[in-house]
PDB file of N, CA and C in Angstrom:
ATOM      1  N   MET A   1     -16.879  76.148 110.493  1.00  0.00           N
ATOM      2  CA  MET A   1     -16.379  77.076 111.494  1.00  0.00           C
ATOM      3  C   MET A   1     -15.013  76.630 111.987  1.00  0.00           C
ATOM      4  N   ALA A   2     -14.834  75.339 112.255  1.00  0.00           N
ATOM      5  CA  ALA A   2     -13.557  74.834 112.749  1.00  0.00           C
ATOM      6  C   ALA A   2     -12.464  75.024 111.710  1.00  0.00           C
ATOM      7  N   GLU A   3     -12.815  74.867 110.424  1.00  0.00           N
ATOM      8  CA  GLU A   3     -11.835  75.060 109.341  1.00  0.00           C
ATOM      9  C   GLU A   3     -11.385  76.513 109.283  1.00  0.00           C
ATOM     10  N   ASN A   4     -12.308  77.439 109.529  1.00  0.00           N
ATOM     11  CA  ASN A   4     -11.977  78.866 109.504  1.00  0.00           C
ATOM     12  C   ASN A   4     -11.021  79.213 110.654  1.00  0.00           C
ATOM     13  N   LYS A   5     -11.266  78.651 111.838  1.00  0.00           N
ATOM     14  CA  LYS A   5     -10.377  78.895 112.972  1.00  0.00           C
ATOM     15  C   LYS A   5      -8.986  78.326 112.702  1.00  0.00           C
ATOM     16  N   LYS A   6      -8.951  77.145 112.112  1.00  0.00           N
ATOM     17  CA  LYS A   6      -7.686  76.506 111.807  1.00  0.00           C
ATOM     18  C   LYS A   6      -6.901  77.334 110.795  1.00  0.00           C
ATOM     19  N   SER A   7      -7.587  77.836 109.791  1.00  0.00           N
ATOM     20  CA  SER A   7      -6.948  78.649 108.761  1.00  0.00           C
ATOM     21  C   SER A   7      -6.396  79.939 109.364  1.00  0.00           C
ATOM     22  N   GLY A   8      -7.148  80.577 110.250  1.00  0.00           N
ATOM     23  CA  GLY A   8      -6.688  81.795 110.904  1.00  0.00           C
ATOM     24  C   GLY A   8      -5.476  81.530 111.783  1.00  0.00           C
ATOM     25  N   PHE A   9      -5.495  80.415 112.476  1.00  0.00           N
ATOM     26  CA  PHE A   9      -4.362  80.048 113.328  1.00  0.00           C
ATOM     27  C   PHE A   9      -3.107  79.811 112.486  1.00  0.00           C
ATOM     28  N   LEU A  10      -3.268  79.111 111.377  1.00  0.00           N
ATOM     29  CA  LEU A  10      -2.122  78.843 110.509  1.00  0.00           C
ATOM     30  C   LEU A  10      -1.565  80.133 109.917  1.00  0.00           C
ATOM     31  N   LYS A  11      -2.449  81.062 109.557  1.00  0.00           N
ATOM     32  CA  LYS A  11      -1.981  82.340 109.019  1.00  0.00           C
ATOM     33  C   LYS A  11      -1.171  83.104 110.061  1.00  0.00           C
ATOM     34  N   ARG A  12      -1.645  83.121 111.302  1.00  0.00           N
ATOM     35  CA  ARG A  12      -0.897  83.807 112.366  1.00  0.00           C
ATOM     36  C   ARG A  12       0.429  83.106 112.650  1.00  0.00           C
ATOM     37  N   LEU A  13       0.421  81.774 112.615  1.00  0.00           N
ATOM     38  CA  LEU A  13       1.638  81.012 112.856  1.00  0.00           C
ATOM     39  C   LEU A  13       2.680  81.290 111.776  1.00  0.00           C
ATOM     40  N   VAL A  14       2.250  81.343 110.520  1.00  0.00           N
ATOM     41  CA  VAL A  14       3.164  81.656 109.418  1.00  0.00           C
ATOM     42  C   VAL A  14       3.673  83.078 109.566  1.00  0.00           C
ATOM     43  N   PHE A  15       2.818  84.023 109.954  1.00  0.00           N
ATOM     44  CA  PHE A  15       3.242  85.407 110.136  1.00  0.00           C
ATOM     45  C   PHE A  15       4.301  85.514 111.230  1.00  0.00           C
ATOM     46  N   LEU A  16       4.099  84.814 112.338  1.00  0.00           N
ATOM     47  CA  LEU A  16       5.074  84.843 113.416  1.00  0.00           C
ATOM     48  C   LEU A  16       6.392  84.216 112.994  1.00  0.00           C
ATOM     49  N   GLY A  17       6.335  83.188 112.174  1.00  0.00           N
ATOM     50  CA  GLY A  17       7.544  82.537 111.680  1.00  0.00           C
ATOM     51  C   GLY A  17       8.332  83.428 110.737  1.00  0.00           C
ATOM     52  N   ASN A  18       7.658  84.322 110.035  1.00  0.00           N
ATOM     53  CA  ASN A  18       8.322  85.214 109.094  1.00  0.00           C
ATOM     54  C   ASN A  18       8.743  86.529 109.729  1.00  0.00           C
ATOM     55  N   ASP A  19       8.379  86.765 110.965  1.00  0.00           N
ATOM     56  CA  ASP A  19       8.707  88.022 111.644  1.00  0.00           C
ATOM     57  C   ASP A  19      10.161  87.987 112.092  1.00  0.00           C
ATOM     58  N   THR A  20      10.999  88.833 111.497  1.00  0.00           N
ATOM     59  CA  THR A  20      12.423  88.879 111.831  1.00  0.00           C
ATOM     60  C   THR A  20      12.822  90.257 112.338  1.00  0.00           C
ATOM     61  N   GLU A  21      11.884  90.977 112.894  1.00  0.00           N
ATOM     62  CA  GLU A  21      12.110  92.358 113.310  1.00  0.00           C
ATOM     63  C   GLU A  21      13.198  92.479 114.377  1.00  0.00           C
ATOM     64  N   GLY A  22      13.238  91.584 115.355  1.00  0.00           N
ATOM     65  CA  GLY A  22      14.203  91.684 116.438  1.00  0.00           C
ATOM     66  C   GLY A  22      15.414  90.782 116.262  1.00  0.00           C
ATOM     67  N   ALA A  23      15.548  90.152 115.106  1.00  0.00           N
ATOM     68  CA  ALA A  23      16.634  89.194 114.895  1.00  0.00           C
ATOM     69  C   ALA A  23      17.996  89.869 114.963  1.00  0.00           C
ATOM     70  N   GLY A  24      18.135  91.059 114.419  1.00  0.00           N
ATOM     71  CA  GLY A  24      19.417  91.758 114.434  1.00  0.00           C
ATOM     72  C   GLY A  24      19.876  92.076 115.839  1.00  0.00           C
ATOM     73  N   VAL A  25      18.955  92.495 116.672  1.00  0.00           N
ATOM     74  CA  VAL A  25      19.291  92.824 118.060  1.00  0.00           C
ATOM     75  C   VAL A  25      19.739  91.575 118.801  1.00  0.00           C
ATOM     76  N   ILE A  26      19.049  90.485 118.596  1.00  0.00           N
ATOM     77  CA  ILE A  26      19.396  89.230 119.263  1.00  0.00           C
ATOM     78  C   ILE A  26      20.779  88.763 118.818  1.00  0.00           C
ATOM     79  N   GLU A  27      21.083  88.901 117.526  1.00  0.00           N
ATOM     80  CA  GLU A  27      22.401  88.497 117.031  1.00  0.00           C
ATOM     81  C   GLU A  27      23.502  89.317 117.680  1.00  0.00           C
ATOM     82  N   VAL A  28      23.306  90.620 117.778  1.00  0.00           N
ATOM     83  CA  VAL A  28      24.314  91.494 118.389  1.00  0.00           C
ATOM     84  C   VAL A  28      24.501  91.134 119.863  1.00  0.00           C
ATOM     85  N   VAL A  29      23.418  90.897 120.563  1.00  0.00           N
ATOM     86  CA  VAL A  29      23.501  90.534 121.984  1.00  0.00           C
ATOM     87  C   VAL A  29      24.248  89.212 122.152  1.00  0.00           C
ATOM     88  N   LEU A  30      23.966  88.235 121.306  1.00  0.00           N
ATOM     89  CA  LEU A  30      24.654  86.949 121.404  1.00  0.00           C
ATOM     90  C   LEU A  30      26.149  87.086 121.111  1.00  0.00           C
ATOM     91  N   ILE A  31      26.506  87.902 120.127  1.00  0.00           N
ATOM     92  CA  ILE A  31      27.919  88.136 119.826  1.00  0.00           C
ATOM     93  C   ILE A  31      28.607  88.796 121.010  1.00  0.00           C
ATOM     94  N   LEU A  32      27.957  89.784 121.618  1.00  0.00           N
ATOM     95  CA  LEU A  32      28.540  90.442 122.794  1.00  0.00           C
ATOM     96  C   LEU A  32      28.713  89.473 123.960  1.00  0.00           C
ATOM     97  N   VAL A  33      27.758  88.609 124.167  1.00  0.00           N
ATOM     98  CA  VAL A  33      27.852  87.631 125.251  1.00  0.00           C
ATOM     99  C   VAL A  33      29.044  86.703 125.022  1.00  0.00           C
ATOM    100  N   VAL A  34      29.232  86.260 123.787  1.00  0.00           N
ATOM    101  CA  VAL A  34      30.359  85.379 123.472  1.00  0.00           C
ATOM    102  C   VAL A  34      31.676  86.116 123.677  1.00  0.00           C
ATOM    103  N   LEU A  35      31.768  87.361 123.211  1.00  0.00           N
ATOM    104  CA  LEU A  35      33.001  88.133 123.381  1.00  0.00           C
ATOM    105  C   LEU A  35      33.324  88.373 124.855  1.00  0.00           C
ATOM    106  N   ILE A  36      32.323  88.713 125.636  1.00  0.00           N
ATOM    107  CA  ILE A  36      32.534  88.933 127.069  1.00  0.00           C
ATOM    108  C   ILE A  36      32.980  87.639 127.744  1.00  0.00           C
ATOM    109  N   ALA A  37      32.389  86.514 127.365  1.00  0.00           N
ATOM    110  CA  ALA A  37      32.786  85.229 127.937  1.00  0.00           C
ATOM    111  C   ALA A  37      34.239  84.911 127.585  1.00  0.00           C
ATOM    112  N   LEU A  38      34.650  85.199 126.348  1.00  0.00           N
ATOM    113  CA  LEU A  38      36.032  84.953 125.955  1.00  0.00           C
ATOM    114  C   LEU A  38      36.999  85.832 126.736  1.00  0.00           C
ATOM    115  N   VAL A  39      36.624  87.079 126.938  1.00  0.00           N
ATOM    116  CA  VAL A  39      37.478  87.983 127.712  1.00  0.00           C
ATOM    117  C   VAL A  39      37.605  87.495 129.156  1.00  0.00           C
ATOM    118  N   ILE A  40      36.521  87.046 129.729  1.00  0.00           N
ATOM    119  CA  ILE A  40      36.567  86.548 131.109  1.00  0.00           C
ATOM    120  C   ILE A  40      37.431  85.284 131.197  1.00  0.00           C
ATOM    121  N   LEU A  41      37.277  84.390 130.216  1.00  0.00           N
ATOM    122  CA  LEU A  41      38.042  83.146 130.237  1.00  0.00           C
ATOM    123  C   LEU A  41      39.542  83.384 130.048  1.00  0.00           C
ATOM    124  N   PHE A  42      39.899  84.316 129.174  1.00  0.00           N
ATOM    125  CA  PHE A  42      41.299  84.531 128.831  1.00  0.00           C
ATOM    126  C   PHE A  42      41.832  85.855 129.373  1.00  0.00           C
ATOM    127  N   LYS A  43      41.263  86.317 130.472  1.00  0.00           N
ATOM    128  CA  LYS A  43      41.645  87.610 131.042  1.00  0.00           C
ATOM    129  C   LYS A  43      43.133  87.665 131.372  1.00  0.00           C
ATOM    130  N   GLU A  44      43.641  86.648 132.008  1.00  0.00           N
ATOM    131  CA  GLU A  44      45.045  86.632 132.427  1.00  0.00           C
ATOM    132  C   GLU A  44      45.978  86.680 131.215  1.00  0.00           C
ATOM    133  N   GLN A  45      45.688  85.890 130.201  1.00  0.00           N
ATOM    134  CA  GLN A  45      46.525  85.872 129.005  1.00  0.00           C
ATOM    135  C   GLN A  45      46.466  87.211 128.264  1.00  0.00           C
ATOM    136  N   ILE A  46      45.286  87.825 128.229  1.00  0.00           N
ATOM    137  CA  ILE A  46      45.136  89.122 127.576  1.00  0.00           C
ATOM    138  C   ILE A  46      45.922  90.182 128.324  1.00  0.00           C
ATOM    139  N   MET A  47      45.873  90.162 129.651  1.00  0.00           N
ATOM    140  CA  MET A  47      46.619  91.143 130.445  1.00  0.00           C
ATOM    141  C   MET A  47      48.127  90.959 130.272  1.00  0.00           C
ATOM    142  N   ASP A  48      48.597  89.715 130.260  1.00  0.00           N
ATOM    143  CA  ASP A  48      50.024  89.457 130.050  1.00  0.00           C
ATOM    144  C   ASP A  48      50.480  89.961 128.685  1.00  0.00           C
ATOM    145  N   LEU A  49      49.684  89.709 127.668  1.00  0.00           N
ATOM    146  CA  LEU A  49      50.022  90.163 126.320  1.00  0.00           C
ATOM    147  C   LEU A  49      50.044  91.689 126.244  1.00  0.00           C
ATOM    148  N   ALA A  50      49.067  92.340 126.856  1.00  0.00           N
ATOM    149  CA  ALA A  50      49.010  93.801 126.844  1.00  0.00           C
ATOM    150  C   ALA A  50      50.212  94.394 127.575  1.00  0.00           C
ATOM    151  N   GLU A  51      50.582  93.814 128.719  1.00  0.00           N
ATOM    152  CA  GLU A  51      51.757  94.300 129.455  1.00  0.00           C
ATOM    153  C   GLU A  51      53.029  94.122 128.634  1.00  0.00           C
ATOM    154  N   LEU A  52      53.147  93.014 127.940  1.00  0.00           N
ATOM    155  CA  LEU A  52      54.313  92.760 127.099  1.00  0.00           C
ATOM    156  C   LEU A  52      54.396  93.778 125.959  1.00  0.00           C
ATOM    157  N   ILE A  53      53.281  94.020 125.305  1.00  0.00           N
ATOM    158  CA  ILE A  53      53.267  94.958 124.169  1.00  0.00           C
ATOM    159  C   ILE A  53      53.551  96.374 124.643  1.00  0.00           C
ATOM    160  N   PHE A  54      52.851  96.833 125.676  1.00  0.00           N
ATOM    161  CA  PHE A  54      53.038  98.204 126.140  1.00  0.00           C
ATOM    162  C   PHE A  54      54.406  98.403 126.784  1.00  0.00           C
ATOM    163  N   GLY A  55      54.903  97.392 127.496  1.00  0.00           N
ATOM    164  CA  GLY A  55      56.226  97.496 128.084  1.00  0.00           C
ATOM    165  C   GLY A  55      57.289  97.643 127.007  1.00  0.00           C
ATOM    166  N   ASP A  56      57.187  96.853 125.953  1.00  0.00           N
ATOM    167  CA  ASP A  56      58.121  96.935 124.836  1.00  0.00           C
ATOM    168  C   ASP A  56      58.000  98.278 124.128  1.00  0.00           C
ATOM    169  N   MET A  57      56.785  98.754 123.989  1.00  0.00           N
ATOM    170  CA  MET A  57      56.551 100.030 123.321  1.00  0.00           C
ATOM    171  C   MET A  57      57.164 101.179 124.131  1.00  0.00           C
ATOM    172  N   PHE A  58      56.988 101.185 125.441  1.00  0.00           N
ATOM    173  CA  PHE A  58      57.553 102.253 126.275  1.00  0.00           C
ATOM    174  C   PHE A  58      59.081 102.197 126.294  1.00  0.00           C
ATOM    175  N   THR A  59      59.637 100.985 126.321  1.00  0.00           N
ATOM    176  CA  THR A  59      61.094 100.836 126.301  1.00  0.00           C
ATOM    177  C   THR A  59      61.685 101.407 125.016  1.00  0.00           C
ATOM    178  N   LYS A  60      61.057 101.080 123.907  1.00  0.00           N
ATOM    179  CA  LYS A  60      61.559 101.589 122.613  1.00  0.00           C
ATOM    180  C   LYS A  60      61.321 103.095 122.505  1.00  0.00           C
ATOM    181  N   ALA A  61      60.233 103.596 123.051  1.00  0.00           N
ATOM    182  CA  ALA A  61      59.971 105.040 123.002  1.00  0.00           C
ATOM    183  C   ALA A  61      60.995 105.793 123.824  1.00  0.00           C
ATOM    184  N   GLN A  62      61.413 105.255 124.960  1.00  0.00           N
ATOM    185  CA  GLN A  62      62.423 105.916 125.800  1.00  0.00           C
ATOM    186  C   GLN A  62      63.771 105.934 125.092  1.00  0.00           C
ATOM    187  N   SER A  63      64.069 104.924 124.309  1.00  0.00           N
ATOM    188  CA  SER A  63      65.350 104.909 123.601  1.00  0.00           C
ATOM    189  C   SER A  63      65.376 105.932 122.478  1.00  0.00           C
ATOM    190  N   VAL A  64      64.232 106.323 121.970  1.00  0.00           N
ATOM    191  CA  VAL A  64      64.162 107.341 120.915  1.00  0.00           C
ATOM    192  C   VAL A  64      64.407 108.715 121.519  1.00  0.00           C
ATOM    193  N   PHE A  65      63.859 108.964 122.701  1.00  0.00           N
ATOM    194  CA  PHE A  65      64.005 110.282 123.335  1.00  0.00           C
ATOM    195  C   PHE A  65      65.224 110.262 124.155  1.00  0.00           C
TER     196      PHE A  65
END
């Protein structure tokens, strides 16, 4: 009887180890968390770069018109 319980437990443990149903969702969530953390850490540098790019773009656009 104890051997049968042990065998059933091992089968369930192996099944749980092979279950990858939610792995894709977890990967996407972890990637988003890392990206959000990077944006928060480098917010000032990103804003400065965006202002530089858009400012240059508007200046050149005004010279065309």
